[in-house]
């Protein structure tokens, strides 16, 4: 079911219904491979683009797309090891990309992980801890943080986020994406399971989650304006995809580079699916990711060579939802823990013809995305305090050594006195503290995964060889042969703790009236009174902005 949900997104980025997509998929691939057109067609305007236009785009700044899956486990997709998951488009894309086998996030939960991806900084520097932002938080990502979007705008990029933000809203909506370098935003500001469950499927099937019934309904934002509350989930996918396609079309027509950040809502329940996929066997995650590629490759086949696409996940799978929550594969535990299943995620970078396909076992993380992109577009980040490194050598040569030598892994709710719970150099990993989480299933057969496993200090730390034992089953700490490794990891961690700066936590300040409300938050009865009047038919699936006469960058 989790896979079915994710495919809902991808299916709707294609040019027709799912049945047509599946029937045409092979035909389109063969046609694109067989015919290298001398002209490109702008499907929005019906005008031809000369080949020189594509060459001009290729020779300047690359377009950039970041696709961020939600709660996608290392073992969820067939290219990363699932024996029966059907993800053919993703598999093909991964085969054409640089695939990272040792790619980490900074936190096993959403908000801090996303903050680190966008800023290149460990989440404790920006105060995005403990846990995640909730609808009633009064704060968000600090306004003085520099994001990928902020940097790219200095190079003339158009920027847009479509999907799940989860870095705060604020009572005055001062923490929404438009305040962090994004020209435009369409999506929900946090996870759909933080709202009351209304309707997830067209025929009224259950949402597979209890949700948060005491909160306001999920708001659909356009920039800082609420378009729908509650957001109609069964068609949310199509609307987000339509907006992404319109953005790509507008940017391509203007011959300006673009940055599209697409953090999927798909992953955690409650799942929502349009009628075309409510009953089917297509994997939603597969369709959700391959659809933007089709939007680039057909009919804009020239754009694919001038576009860098980075795909990854925000954290490991939510095992508390059992078979619907995802799969960490051979990795231990899942979301909420600092074991490999919680923080090691699938990732690949696609940018033909500049990146040679292949796997790399070099150590890498979401922290490294910002400095890598900055290097590729020749942006100076010397005025920023970053924790990421430039991975461009790994992108160019899969056999190159990773510029990242060590990595600190922080828990869901970090404390300065405890520091990072684990440290790895890619080959060995030492756990100095462990704690379980019910996000990894309260009934998990592994006693170290659920919340019943209390905060535990390990001295000596637990030590694992991740190359020989990725499942972290065989502790090497008592073998004197590994004492030098243990000492090296311990010394690096101590130095890391001395140099790390901590901001006061920002996820703990709450006010029920700070929740997004279509009406005045003082309305009664709260929170039901926050629902918007219905202004569109619930089955309306087009982007709200596609029908505007103004260019997207001038829209409110």
Protein backbone atom coordinates (compact mmCIF):
# COMPACT_ATOMS: atom_id res chain seq x y z
CA UNK A 1 0.00 0.00 0.00
CA UNK A 2 2.81 2.45 0.77
CA UNK A 3 4.25 1.87 -2.68
CA UNK A 4 0.83 2.31 -4.26
CA UNK A 5 0.48 5.67 -2.57
CA UNK A 6 3.78 7.04 -3.81
CA UNK A 7 2.96 6.10 -7.38
CA UNK A 8 -0.08 8.35 -7.16
CA UNK A 9 2.27 11.29 -7.46
CA UNK A 10 4.29 10.07 -10.40
CA UNK A 11 1.36 8.90 -12.45
CA UNK A 12 -0.07 12.37 -12.54
CA UNK A 13 3.00 14.09 -13.90
CA UNK A 14 2.58 12.14 -17.11
CA UNK A 15 0.40 13.48 -19.89
CA UNK A 16 -2.60 11.26 -19.38
CA UNK A 17 -4.22 8.67 -17.18
CA UNK A 18 -2.25 5.81 -15.68
CA UNK A 19 -3.41 3.28 -18.20
CA UNK A 20 -2.20 5.43 -21.06
CA UNK A 21 1.08 6.06 -19.31
CA UNK A 22 1.83 2.39 -18.87
CA UNK A 23 0.85 1.58 -22.43
CA UNK A 24 2.95 4.39 -23.87
CA UNK A 25 5.96 4.17 -21.62
CA UNK A 26 7.99 1.76 -23.71
CA UNK A 27 6.91 3.46 -26.93
CA UNK A 28 8.08 6.86 -25.67
CA UNK A 29 11.44 5.55 -24.55
CA UNK A 30 12.08 3.91 -27.91
CA UNK A 31 10.91 6.96 -29.81
CA UNK A 32 13.16 9.28 -27.80
CA UNK A 33 16.13 7.00 -28.29
CA UNK A 34 15.48 6.61 -32.01
CA UNK A 35 14.78 10.21 -32.89
CA UNK A 36 17.20 12.91 -31.85
CA UNK A 37 15.20 15.96 -32.91
CA UNK A 38 16.79 19.02 -34.44
CA UNK A 39 13.98 21.12 -33.06
CA UNK A 40 12.28 21.08 -29.69
CA UNK A 41 8.61 21.88 -29.24
CA UNK A 42 7.41 24.10 -26.45
CA UNK A 43 4.23 22.22 -25.52
CA UNK A 44 2.85 25.27 -23.72
CA UNK A 45 3.13 27.73 -26.60
CA UNK A 46 3.30 25.36 -29.56
CA UNK A 47 6.47 27.09 -30.77
CA UNK A 48 9.60 25.39 -31.97
CA UNK A 49 12.92 25.71 -30.22
CA UNK A 50 16.02 25.48 -32.36
CA UNK A 51 18.79 23.13 -31.38
CA UNK A 52 21.00 26.14 -30.64
CA UNK A 53 18.64 27.05 -27.81
CA UNK A 54 19.24 23.71 -26.14
CA UNK A 55 22.96 24.06 -26.64
CA UNK A 56 22.86 27.51 -25.10
CA UNK A 57 21.03 26.15 -22.04
CA UNK A 58 23.49 23.26 -21.71
CA UNK A 59 26.49 25.61 -21.82
CA UNK A 60 25.22 27.83 -19.02
CA UNK A 61 23.93 27.07 -15.54
CA UNK A 62 22.28 23.66 -15.06
CA UNK A 63 18.67 23.41 -14.04
CA UNK A 64 18.38 21.71 -10.64
CA UNK A 65 15.67 19.42 -9.31
CA UNK A 66 15.71 17.91 -5.84
CA UNK A 67 13.20 15.12 -5.31
CA UNK A 68 12.83 14.30 -1.61
CA UNK A 69 10.83 11.22 -0.70
CA UNK A 70 9.11 11.04 2.68
CA UNK A 71 9.94 8.12 5.00
CA UNK A 72 11.37 6.11 2.12
CA UNK A 73 13.46 3.23 3.44
CA UNK A 74 16.71 1.97 1.98
CA UNK A 75 14.98 -1.27 1.08
CA UNK A 76 11.74 0.14 -0.33
CA UNK A 77 12.76 0.27 -3.99
CA UNK A 78 13.94 -2.50 -6.26
CA UNK A 79 17.16 -0.74 -7.29
CA UNK A 80 18.20 -0.64 -3.62
CA UNK A 81 17.40 -4.26 -2.98
CA UNK A 82 13.67 -4.92 -2.62
CA UNK A 83 12.96 -8.33 -4.23
CA UNK A 84 9.36 -7.69 -5.32
CA UNK A 85 8.86 -3.91 -5.42
CA UNK A 86 8.09 -2.84 -8.98
CA UNK A 87 9.87 0.44 -9.73
CA UNK A 88 10.98 0.22 -13.39
CA UNK A 89 11.25 3.96 -14.06
CA UNK A 90 13.23 4.54 -10.89
CA UNK A 91 15.47 1.58 -11.66
CA UNK A 92 16.26 2.93 -15.11
CA UNK A 93 16.91 6.40 -13.74
CA UNK A 94 19.19 5.01 -11.02
CA UNK A 95 21.14 2.98 -13.59
CA UNK A 96 21.77 6.20 -15.52
CA UNK A 97 22.89 8.04 -12.36
CA UNK A 98 25.56 8.13 -9.69
CA UNK A 99 24.04 5.98 -6.96
CA UNK A 100 25.31 6.46 -3.39
CA UNK A 101 25.41 3.30 -1.29
CA UNK A 102 26.48 5.17 1.89
CA UNK A 103 24.24 8.25 1.94
CA UNK A 104 23.05 9.65 5.28
CA UNK A 105 20.61 12.17 6.67
CA UNK A 106 21.34 14.25 9.78
CA UNK A 107 18.28 13.14 11.73
CA UNK A 108 15.91 10.16 11.75
CA UNK A 109 12.85 12.47 11.58
CA UNK A 110 11.50 15.02 9.11
CA UNK A 111 12.02 18.67 10.13
CA UNK A 112 15.68 18.55 11.25
CA UNK A 113 16.61 16.40 8.27
CA UNK A 114 15.00 18.87 5.84
CA UNK A 115 16.60 21.86 7.56
CA UNK A 116 20.04 20.31 7.09
CA UNK A 117 19.40 19.50 3.43
CA UNK A 118 18.39 23.07 2.58
CA UNK A 119 21.08 24.83 4.65
CA UNK A 120 24.08 22.45 4.59
CA UNK A 121 24.22 22.78 8.38
CA UNK A 122 23.64 20.34 11.23
CA UNK A 123 20.16 21.00 12.63
CA UNK A 124 21.38 21.97 16.11
CA UNK A 125 23.00 25.09 14.61
CA UNK A 126 19.56 26.33 13.51
CA UNK A 127 17.56 25.09 16.50
CA UNK A 128 15.42 22.66 14.51
CA UNK A 129 15.10 20.16 17.33
CA UNK A 130 13.86 18.29 19.35
CA UNK A 131 11.61 16.27 17.10
CA UNK A 132 9.65 18.07 14.39
CA UNK A 133 7.57 21.20 13.91
CA UNK A 134 3.88 20.69 14.64
CA UNK A 135 0.94 22.77 13.36
CA UNK A 136 0.80 24.81 16.59
CA UNK A 137 4.49 25.77 16.68
CA UNK A 138 5.04 29.52 16.81
CA UNK A 139 8.56 29.30 15.35
CA UNK A 140 10.23 27.79 12.31
CA UNK A 141 13.54 27.68 10.52
CA UNK A 142 15.35 30.91 11.50
CA UNK A 143 14.87 33.63 8.91
CA UNK A 144 18.61 34.32 8.76
CA UNK A 145 19.41 30.83 7.50
CA UNK A 146 20.73 30.69 3.93
CA UNK A 147 19.06 27.98 1.85
CA UNK A 148 19.89 26.44 -1.49
CA UNK A 149 17.13 28.58 -3.02
CA UNK A 150 18.56 31.76 -1.54
CA UNK A 151 21.97 31.02 -3.01
CA UNK A 152 20.71 30.03 -6.45
CA UNK A 153 18.67 33.21 -6.79
CA UNK A 154 21.97 35.09 -6.74
CA UNK A 155 22.77 33.32 -10.01
CA UNK A 156 19.45 34.25 -11.60
CA UNK A 157 17.61 31.00 -10.91
CA UNK A 158 13.86 30.81 -10.71
CA UNK A 159 12.95 28.84 -7.63
CA UNK A 160 9.90 26.87 -6.58
CA UNK A 161 8.91 24.36 -3.93
CA UNK A 162 6.01 22.01 -4.56
CA UNK A 163 5.01 19.67 -1.74
CA UNK A 164 5.75 19.25 1.96
CA UNK A 165 7.67 22.08 3.68
CA UNK A 166 7.69 21.04 7.37
CA UNK A 167 10.00 23.81 8.55
CA UNK A 168 7.42 25.94 10.29
CA UNK A 169 4.54 28.28 9.46
CA UNK A 170 4.31 30.89 12.25
CA UNK A 171 1.30 32.83 13.48
CA UNK A 172 1.93 35.46 10.79
CA UNK A 173 3.03 32.82 8.26
CA UNK A 174 6.53 34.24 8.49
CA UNK A 175 8.28 30.88 8.23
CA UNK A 176 6.80 29.70 4.94
CA UNK A 177 9.13 28.97 1.97
CA UNK A 178 8.66 32.34 0.26
CA UNK A 179 10.79 33.83 3.05
CA UNK A 180 13.68 31.46 2.29
CA UNK A 181 14.47 32.16 -1.35
CA UNK A 182 11.56 30.42 -3.06
CA UNK A 183 9.64 32.49 -5.61
CA UNK A 184 6.62 30.28 -5.31
CA UNK A 185 5.19 27.59 -3.06
CA UNK A 186 2.31 25.16 -3.46
CA UNK A 187 1.73 22.43 -0.91
CA UNK A 188 0.96 21.45 2.66
CA UNK A 189 3.19 23.00 5.32
CA UNK A 190 3.57 19.74 7.27
CA UNK A 191 2.63 16.05 7.15
CA UNK A 192 -0.95 15.20 6.30
CA UNK A 193 -1.12 12.91 9.35
CA UNK A 194 -0.92 16.01 11.60
CA UNK A 195 -4.47 16.94 10.57
CA UNK A 196 -7.87 15.30 11.05
CA UNK A 197 -8.44 12.49 8.59
CA UNK A 198 -11.22 13.53 6.24
CA UNK A 199 -11.17 11.83 2.85
CA UNK A 200 -8.13 10.06 1.47
CA UNK A 201 -9.63 7.87 -1.23
CA UNK A 202 -12.47 8.61 -3.65
CA UNK A 203 -14.67 5.73 -2.48
CA UNK A 204 -14.26 6.53 1.21
CA UNK A 205 -11.81 3.76 2.10
CA UNK A 206 -10.02 4.24 5.43
CA UNK A 207 -7.03 6.56 5.66
CA UNK A 208 -4.94 3.95 7.53
CA UNK A 209 -4.16 6.37 10.34
CA UNK A 210 -5.81 7.97 13.34
CA UNK A 211 -4.30 11.36 12.47
CA UNK A 212 -4.62 14.36 14.83
CA UNK A 213 -8.37 15.10 15.13
CA UNK A 214 -7.96 18.05 17.53
CA UNK A 215 -5.93 20.12 15.02
CA UNK A 216 -7.11 22.34 12.20
CA UNK A 217 -7.72 20.71 8.84
CA UNK A 218 -4.73 20.42 6.51
CA UNK A 219 -4.24 23.70 4.63
CA UNK A 220 -3.13 23.87 1.01
CA UNK A 221 -0.92 26.94 0.64
CA UNK A 222 -0.07 29.00 -2.40
CA UNK A 223 2.80 31.18 -1.21
CA UNK A 224 1.32 32.60 2.02
CA UNK A 225 -2.33 32.24 1.04
CA UNK A 226 -4.52 29.27 1.99
CA UNK A 227 -6.27 27.92 -1.09
CA UNK A 228 -8.06 25.00 0.54
CA UNK A 229 -8.71 23.92 4.10
CA UNK A 230 -9.15 21.02 4.29
CA UNK A 231 -6.96 20.19 1.32
CA UNK A 232 -8.63 17.62 -0.90
CA UNK A 233 -6.09 14.79 -0.73
CA UNK A 234 -7.35 12.52 -3.53
CA UNK A 235 -6.38 15.10 -6.17
CA UNK A 236 -3.50 16.79 -4.36
CA UNK A 237 -0.96 14.77 -6.31
CA UNK A 238 -2.23 15.90 -9.70
CA UNK A 239 -2.32 19.54 -8.67
CA UNK A 240 1.22 19.49 -7.33
CA UNK A 241 2.46 17.77 -10.46
CA UNK A 242 0.63 20.21 -12.73
CA UNK A 243 2.22 23.10 -10.88
CA UNK A 244 5.69 21.56 -11.24
CA UNK A 245 5.16 21.07 -14.96
CA UNK A 246 3.92 24.64 -15.39
CA UNK A 247 7.00 25.92 -13.56
CA UNK A 248 9.35 23.89 -15.76
CA UNK A 249 7.48 25.07 -18.85
CA UNK A 250 7.63 28.74 -17.86
CA UNK A 251 11.30 28.60 -16.91
CA UNK A 252 12.28 26.72 -20.04
CA UNK A 253 10.37 29.12 -22.26
CA UNK A 254 12.23 32.05 -20.70
CA UNK A 255 15.59 30.27 -21.09
CA UNK A 256 16.42 30.91 -17.45
CA UNK A 257 17.82 28.24 -15.15
CA UNK A 258 15.39 26.87 -12.59
CA UNK A 259 15.51 25.18 -9.20
CA UNK A 260 12.58 22.89 -8.38
CA UNK A 261 12.43 21.43 -4.88
CA UNK A 262 9.80 18.68 -4.76
CA UNK A 263 9.49 17.15 -1.28
CA UNK A 264 6.78 14.54 -1.68
CA UNK A 265 3.84 14.29 0.68
CA UNK A 266 3.67 10.62 -0.19
CA UNK A 267 5.09 8.19 2.30
CA UNK A 268 3.44 8.37 5.71
CA UNK A 269 -0.27 7.64 6.10
CA UNK A 270 -2.92 8.84 5.69
CA UNK A 271 -2.47 7.97 2.06
CA UNK A 272 -4.47 9.69 -0.60
CA UNK A 273 -4.98 8.53 -4.13
CA UNK A 274 -6.97 9.69 -7.16
CA UNK A 275 -9.65 7.44 -8.66
CA UNK A 276 -7.31 6.24 -11.41
CA UNK A 277 -4.97 4.65 -8.88
CA UNK A 278 -7.33 3.82 -6.05
CA UNK A 279 -7.37 0.23 -7.20
CA UNK A 280 -4.27 -0.82 -9.05
CA UNK A 281 -0.89 -2.48 -8.82
CA UNK A 282 1.33 0.40 -9.88
CA UNK A 283 3.88 1.58 -7.32
CA UNK A 284 3.06 5.23 -6.43
CA UNK A 285 6.65 6.09 -5.51
CA UNK A 286 7.86 4.85 -8.86
CA UNK A 287 5.36 6.95 -10.77
CA UNK A 288 5.83 9.97 -8.50
CA UNK A 289 9.53 10.17 -9.24
CA UNK A 290 9.59 9.18 -12.89
CA UNK A 291 6.91 11.67 -13.86
CA UNK A 292 9.09 14.80 -13.48
CA UNK A 293 11.65 13.08 -15.67
CA UNK A 294 9.05 12.48 -18.35
CA UNK A 295 8.05 16.14 -18.07
CA UNK A 296 11.66 17.04 -18.83
CA UNK A 297 12.35 14.41 -21.44
CA UNK A 298 9.12 14.68 -23.39
CA UNK A 299 8.81 16.97 -25.18
CA UNK A 300 11.77 18.92 -23.73
CA UNK A 301 14.37 16.28 -24.52
CA UNK A 302 17.10 18.92 -24.54
CA UNK A 303 16.39 19.84 -20.92
CA UNK A 304 17.35 16.46 -19.53
CA UNK A 305 21.00 17.03 -20.43
CA UNK A 306 21.03 20.46 -18.82
CA UNK A 307 19.27 19.39 -15.63
CA UNK A 308 20.86 17.95 -12.51
CA UNK A 309 18.41 15.81 -10.57
CA UNK A 310 19.14 14.74 -7.00
CA UNK A 311 16.89 12.11 -5.44
CA UNK A 312 16.91 10.99 -1.82
CA UNK A 313 14.72 10.50 1.27
CA UNK A 314 14.37 12.51 4.48
CA UNK A 315 14.78 9.53 6.83
CA UNK A 316 14.14 5.82 7.14
CA UNK A 317 10.77 4.03 7.04
CA UNK A 318 8.04 4.41 9.66
CA UNK A 319 7.99 0.82 10.87
CA UNK A 320 5.22 1.58 13.35
CA UNK A 321 2.87 1.25 10.35
CA UNK A 322 4.15 -2.28 9.77
CA UNK A 323 3.95 -3.44 6.16
CA UNK A 324 2.39 -0.10 5.13
CA UNK A 325 5.22 1.91 6.66
CA UNK A 326 8.09 0.88 4.44
CA UNK A 327 11.17 -1.30 4.46
CA UNK A 328 14.72 -0.62 5.63
CA UNK A 329 15.96 -3.73 3.83
CA UNK A 330 18.93 -5.34 5.55
CA UNK A 331 19.51 -2.26 7.73
CA UNK A 332 18.66 -2.26 11.42
CA UNK A 333 15.56 -0.50 12.84
CA UNK A 334 14.02 2.50 11.06
CA UNK A 335 12.64 6.00 11.52
CA UNK A 336 13.33 7.64 14.86
CA UNK A 337 16.57 5.76 15.59
CA UNK A 338 20.25 6.35 14.84
CA UNK A 339 20.71 2.80 13.62
CA UNK A 340 21.36 2.50 9.88
CA UNK A 341 17.69 1.91 9.05
CA UNK A 342 16.78 5.33 10.45
CA UNK A 343 19.47 7.50 8.84
CA UNK A 344 20.88 5.71 5.78
CA UNK A 345 18.73 6.31 2.72
CA UNK A 346 18.73 5.69 -1.03
CA UNK A 347 20.20 8.52 -3.11
CA UNK A 348 21.32 9.15 -6.66
CA UNK A 349 22.30 12.08 -8.87
CA UNK A 350 21.35 12.20 -12.55
CA UNK A 351 22.95 14.68 -14.96
CA UNK A 352 23.82 13.32 -18.39
CA UNK A 353 26.27 13.68 -19.99
CA UNK A 354 28.27 15.19 -17.12
CA UNK A 355 27.89 12.34 -14.63
CA UNK A 356 29.04 8.85 -15.58
CA UNK A 357 26.58 6.23 -14.32
CA UNK A 358 27.78 3.94 -11.57
CA UNK A 359 27.73 3.23 -7.86
CA UNK A 360 29.93 4.86 -5.29
CA UNK A 361 30.51 3.68 -1.74
CA UNK A 362 31.97 7.04 -0.75
CA UNK A 363 30.56 8.56 2.43
CA UNK A 364 28.01 11.30 1.65
CA UNK A 365 25.04 13.07 3.20
CA UNK A 366 22.26 15.58 2.66
CA UNK A 367 24.55 18.16 4.30
CA UNK A 368 26.69 17.97 1.18
CA UNK A 369 24.00 18.91 -1.33
CA UNK A 370 24.23 22.68 -0.82
CA UNK A 371 28.04 22.97 -1.06
CA UNK A 372 28.11 20.60 -4.03
CA UNK A 373 25.50 22.60 -5.96
CA UNK A 374 27.22 25.85 -5.00
CA UNK A 375 30.49 24.52 -6.41
CA UNK A 376 28.87 23.37 -9.65
CA UNK A 377 27.34 26.80 -10.31
CA UNK A 378 30.41 28.70 -9.04
CA UNK A 379 28.87 30.26 -5.95
CA UNK A 380 31.07 31.50 -3.13
CA UNK A 381 30.01 30.10 0.27
CA UNK A 382 33.06 31.23 2.22
CA UNK A 383 30.88 33.56 4.32
CA UNK A 384 28.73 30.63 5.51
CA UNK A 385 29.42 28.19 8.34
CA UNK A 386 28.68 24.89 6.63
CA UNK A 387 28.95 21.29 7.78
CA UNK A 388 28.69 19.88 4.28
CA UNK A 389 31.47 19.21 1.76
CA UNK A 390 31.68 19.48 -2.01
CA UNK A 391 30.94 16.05 -3.49
CA UNK A 392 31.60 17.00 -7.10
CA UNK A 393 34.70 14.73 -7.28
CA UNK A 394 32.45 11.76 -6.46
CA UNK A 395 29.97 12.84 -9.12
CA UNK A 396 32.65 12.92 -11.78
CA UNK A 397 34.45 9.71 -10.79
CA UNK A 398 32.74 6.85 -8.92
CA UNK A 399 36.15 5.50 -7.90
CA UNK A 400 37.28 8.78 -6.37
CA UNK A 401 37.65 9.02 -2.61
CA UNK A 402 34.91 10.91 -0.89
CA UNK A 403 35.84 14.39 0.36
CA UNK A 404 33.76 13.50 3.44
CA UNK A 405 35.90 11.56 5.90
CA UNK A 406 33.63 11.40 8.95
CA UNK A 407 29.99 11.86 9.82
CA UNK A 408 28.15 12.61 13.07
CA UNK A 409 24.68 11.14 13.55
CA UNK A 410 22.31 12.99 15.87
CA UNK A 411 19.18 11.53 17.47
CA UNK A 412 15.59 12.66 17.13
CA UNK A 413 15.89 14.84 20.25
CA UNK A 414 19.55 15.80 20.63
CA UNK A 415 21.14 17.25 23.78
CA UNK A 416 24.32 19.27 23.81
CA UNK A 417 25.69 17.36 26.79
CA UNK A 418 25.35 14.05 24.94
CA UNK A 419 26.37 15.16 21.45
CA UNK A 420 25.96 12.90 18.43
CA UNK A 421 24.85 9.40 19.32
CA UNK A 422 26.90 7.75 16.60
CA UNK A 423 29.89 8.48 14.37
CA UNK A 424 30.96 6.78 11.15
CA UNK A 425 33.81 7.01 8.66
CA UNK A 426 31.80 5.02 6.11
CA UNK A 427 33.48 1.74 6.95
CA UNK A 428 33.12 1.63 10.73
CA UNK A 429 30.36 3.03 12.90
CA UNK A 430 30.46 3.57 16.65
CA UNK A 431 27.33 4.00 18.78
CA UNK A 432 28.06 5.99 21.94
CA UNK A 433 24.36 6.19 22.88
CA UNK A 434 21.28 4.38 21.64
CA UNK A 435 17.59 4.91 22.25
CA UNK A 436 14.57 3.24 20.71
CA UNK A 437 11.56 4.89 19.08
CA UNK A 438 8.01 3.73 18.54
CA UNK A 439 8.38 5.10 15.00
CA UNK A 440 10.37 1.90 14.55
CA UNK A 441 7.38 -0.15 15.79
CA UNK A 442 6.54 -0.73 19.46
CA UNK A 443 6.23 -4.44 18.63
CA UNK A 444 9.52 -4.68 16.75
CA UNK A 445 11.21 -8.06 17.22
CA UNK A 446 14.53 -6.25 17.68
CA UNK A 447 14.67 -5.06 21.32
CA UNK A 448 16.89 -2.06 20.46
CA UNK A 449 14.40 -0.52 17.99
CA UNK A 450 11.19 0.35 19.93
CA UNK A 451 10.73 3.02 22.60
CA UNK A 452 10.95 0.33 25.27
CA UNK A 453 14.73 0.50 24.72
CA UNK A 454 15.72 3.42 27.00
CA UNK A 455 18.53 5.90 26.52
CA UNK A 456 21.66 3.78 26.98
CA UNK A 457 25.26 4.92 27.21
CA UNK A 458 27.76 2.48 25.69
CA UNK A 459 31.30 2.46 27.06
CA UNK A 460 33.04 1.17 25.12
CA UNK A 461 30.81 2.22 22.22
CA UNK A 462 29.21 -0.43 20.06
CA UNK A 463 31.34 -0.85 16.94
CA UNK A 464 30.27 -2.28 13.58
CA UNK A 465 31.95 -2.81 10.22
CA UNK A 466 29.33 -1.44 7.83
CA UNK A 467 30.97 -2.99 4.77
CA UNK A 468 30.83 -6.51 6.17
CA UNK A 469 27.87 -6.04 8.49
CA UNK A 470 25.45 -3.35 7.20
CA UNK A 471 22.77 -4.75 9.51
CA UNK A 472 24.85 -3.83 12.58
CA UNK A 473 24.56 -7.27 14.18
CA UNK A 474 28.14 -8.10 15.21
CA UNK A 475 29.67 -5.80 17.78
CA UNK A 476 33.47 -5.55 17.41
CA UNK A 477 34.08 -3.39 20.48
CA UNK A 478 35.59 -6.19 22.56
CA UNK A 479 38.14 -7.16 19.91
CA UNK A 480 41.48 -5.49 20.69
CA UNK A 481 42.26 -5.47 16.97
CA UNK A 482 39.81 -2.58 16.56
CA UNK A 483 41.06 -0.39 19.42
CA UNK A 484 42.81 2.05 17.01
CA UNK A 485 39.56 2.43 15.05
CA UNK A 486 37.62 3.02 18.27
CA UNK A 487 40.11 5.64 19.44
CA UNK A 488 40.02 7.43 16.11
CA UNK A 489 36.21 7.64 16.09
CA UNK A 490 36.11 8.75 19.71
CA UNK A 491 38.70 11.48 19.22
CA UNK A 492 36.93 12.86 16.16
CA UNK A 493 33.60 12.93 18.02
CA UNK A 494 35.14 14.82 20.95
CA UNK A 495 36.60 17.43 18.62
CA UNK A 496 33.30 17.70 16.76
CA UNK A 497 31.47 18.37 20.03
CA UNK A 498 33.92 21.14 20.95
CA UNK A 499 33.41 23.02 17.69
CA UNK A 500 29.66 22.54 17.20
CA UNK A 501 27.48 25.55 18.07
CA UNK A 502 23.96 25.03 19.35
CA UNK A 503 20.97 27.34 18.95
CA UNK A 504 18.15 27.18 21.47
CA UNK A 505 15.50 24.63 20.40
CA UNK A 506 12.70 26.08 18.26
CA UNK A 507 10.21 23.20 18.10
CA UNK A 508 9.00 23.45 21.71
CA UNK A 509 7.13 26.78 21.70
CA UNK A 510 3.47 26.24 20.83
CA UNK A 511 0.14 28.06 20.72
CA UNK A 512 -3.05 26.40 19.40
CA UNK A 513 -4.04 29.70 17.76
CA UNK A 514 -0.80 29.72 15.75
CA UNK A 515 -2.18 26.93 13.57
CA UNK A 516 -2.90 27.89 9.95
CA UNK A 517 -6.51 29.05 9.70
CA UNK A 518 -8.45 30.10 6.61
CA UNK A 519 -10.47 32.41 8.85
CA UNK A 520 -9.40 34.37 11.92
CA UNK A 521 -7.78 31.97 14.42
CA UNK A 522 -10.00 33.49 17.14
CA UNK A 523 -13.10 32.12 15.37
CA UNK A 524 -15.46 29.68 17.05
CA UNK A 525 -15.91 26.77 17.28
CA UNK A 526 -12.17 26.20 16.95
CA UNK A 527 -10.65 24.40 15.07
CA UNK A 528 -13.63 23.52 12.82
CA UNK A 529 -14.25 27.18 12.04
CA UNK A 530 -10.88 27.38 10.27
CA UNK A 531 -12.18 25.43 7.28
CA UNK A 532 -12.46 27.51 4.12
CA UNK A 533 -15.64 27.86 2.12
CA UNK A 534 -15.49 25.44 -0.80
CA UNK A 535 -14.45 27.52 -3.80
CA UNK A 536 -13.56 24.76 -6.22
CA UNK A 537 -15.04 21.44 -7.11
CA UNK A 538 -13.25 18.77 -5.06
CA UNK A 539 -12.37 16.80 -8.15
CA UNK A 540 -10.66 19.79 -9.75
CA UNK A 541 -7.13 18.56 -10.37
CA UNK A 542 -5.38 21.35 -12.24
CA UNK A 543 -2.85 23.67 -10.71
CA UNK A 544 -4.53 26.78 -9.40
CA UNK A 545 -1.94 28.86 -11.17
CA UNK A 546 -2.09 27.32 -14.62
CA UNK A 547 -5.11 29.42 -15.53
CA UNK A 548 -3.59 32.72 -14.43
CA UNK A 549 -2.86 35.17 -17.19
CA UNK A 550 0.17 36.54 -15.38
CA UNK A 551 3.59 34.87 -15.55
CA UNK A 552 4.13 32.68 -12.50
CA UNK A 553 6.82 34.95 -11.04
CA UNK A 554 4.33 37.85 -10.82
CA UNK A 555 1.52 35.90 -9.22
CA UNK A 556 0.60 36.57 -5.58
